[in-house]
Amino acid sequence: MGSAWQGLLGTDYGLFSLIGSIFMLGIGVFFIWFFSRKIQQSADEHARELRKGANKPPVNNGRG
């Protein structure tokens, strides 16, 4: 077990691998946060439009 940590932290390719893995995890967390925020904003905007449209009379589409 000690040699695995030594290889990861003690060599150039181990450090690059560690940095790359941390970077990829960080980007994954960022994308989850970013897209969930955008989805929530879109849902809020849609609900606001529905509430605003509820006060209007129904549209007569040439029928009746």
Protein backbone atom coordinates (compact mmCIF):
# COMPACT_ATOMS: atom_id res chain seq x y z
CA MET A 1 0.00 0.00 0.00
CA GLY A 2 2.86 2.35 0.76
CA SER A 3 4.34 1.94 -2.70
CA ALA A 4 1.02 2.94 -4.33
CA TRP A 5 0.97 6.23 -2.42
CA GLN A 6 4.65 6.71 -3.11
CA GLY A 7 4.03 6.18 -6.82
CA LEU A 8 1.06 8.55 -6.80
CA LEU A 9 2.66 11.36 -4.85
CA GLY A 10 6.32 10.77 -5.57
CA THR A 11 6.43 10.61 -9.36
CA ASP A 12 5.63 13.10 -12.10
CA TYR A 13 3.09 10.87 -13.81
CA GLY A 14 1.46 10.08 -10.45
CA LEU A 15 1.05 13.76 -9.63
CA PHE A 16 -0.33 14.54 -13.09
CA SER A 17 -2.78 11.67 -12.70
CA LEU A 18 -3.86 12.96 -9.29
CA ILE A 19 -4.26 16.53 -10.56
CA GLY A 20 -6.21 15.31 -13.60
CA SER A 21 -8.54 13.21 -11.46
CA ILE A 22 -9.20 16.08 -9.04
CA PHE A 23 -9.81 18.43 -11.97
CA MET A 24 -12.29 16.01 -13.59
CA LEU A 25 -14.20 15.56 -10.33
CA GLY A 26 -14.31 19.33 -9.86
CA ILE A 27 -15.66 19.86 -13.38
CA GLY A 28 -18.30 17.17 -12.75
CA VAL A 29 -19.46 18.89 -9.56
CA PHE A 30 -19.52 22.25 -11.35
CA PHE A 31 -21.64 20.90 -14.22
CA ILE A 32 -24.13 19.28 -11.83
CA TRP A 33 -24.45 22.56 -9.92
CA PHE A 34 -24.66 24.69 -13.09
CA PHE A 35 -27.26 22.57 -14.90
CA SER A 36 -29.44 22.07 -11.82
CA ARG A 37 -29.44 25.86 -11.28
CA LYS A 38 -30.41 26.50 -14.92
CA ILE A 39 -33.17 23.87 -14.78
CA GLN A 40 -34.58 25.47 -11.62
CA GLN A 41 -34.48 28.94 -13.20
CA SER A 42 -36.30 27.63 -16.26
CA ALA A 43 -38.95 25.93 -14.11
CA ASP A 44 -39.47 29.13 -12.10
CA GLU A 45 -39.80 31.18 -15.29
CA HIS A 46 -42.30 28.71 -16.73
CA ALA A 47 -44.39 28.78 -13.54
CA ARG A 48 -44.31 32.59 -13.60
CA GLU A 49 -45.56 32.60 -17.20
CA LEU A 50 -48.35 30.17 -16.33
CA ARG A 51 -49.48 32.36 -13.40
CA LYS A 52 -49.38 35.45 -15.60
CA GLY A 53 -51.41 33.70 -18.30
CA ALA A 54 -54.03 32.49 -15.80
CA ASN A 55 -55.30 36.09 -15.42
CA LYS A 56 -56.01 36.45 -19.14
CA PRO A 57 -59.30 35.41 -20.73
CA PRO A 58 -59.22 32.29 -22.91
CA VAL A 59 -58.24 32.84 -26.51
CA ASN A 60 -60.91 32.27 -29.17
CA ASN A 61 -59.14 30.43 -31.94
CA GLY A 62 -61.82 31.11 -34.55
CA ARG A 63 -64.23 28.61 -33.04
CA GLY A 64 -67.72 29.36 -31.83
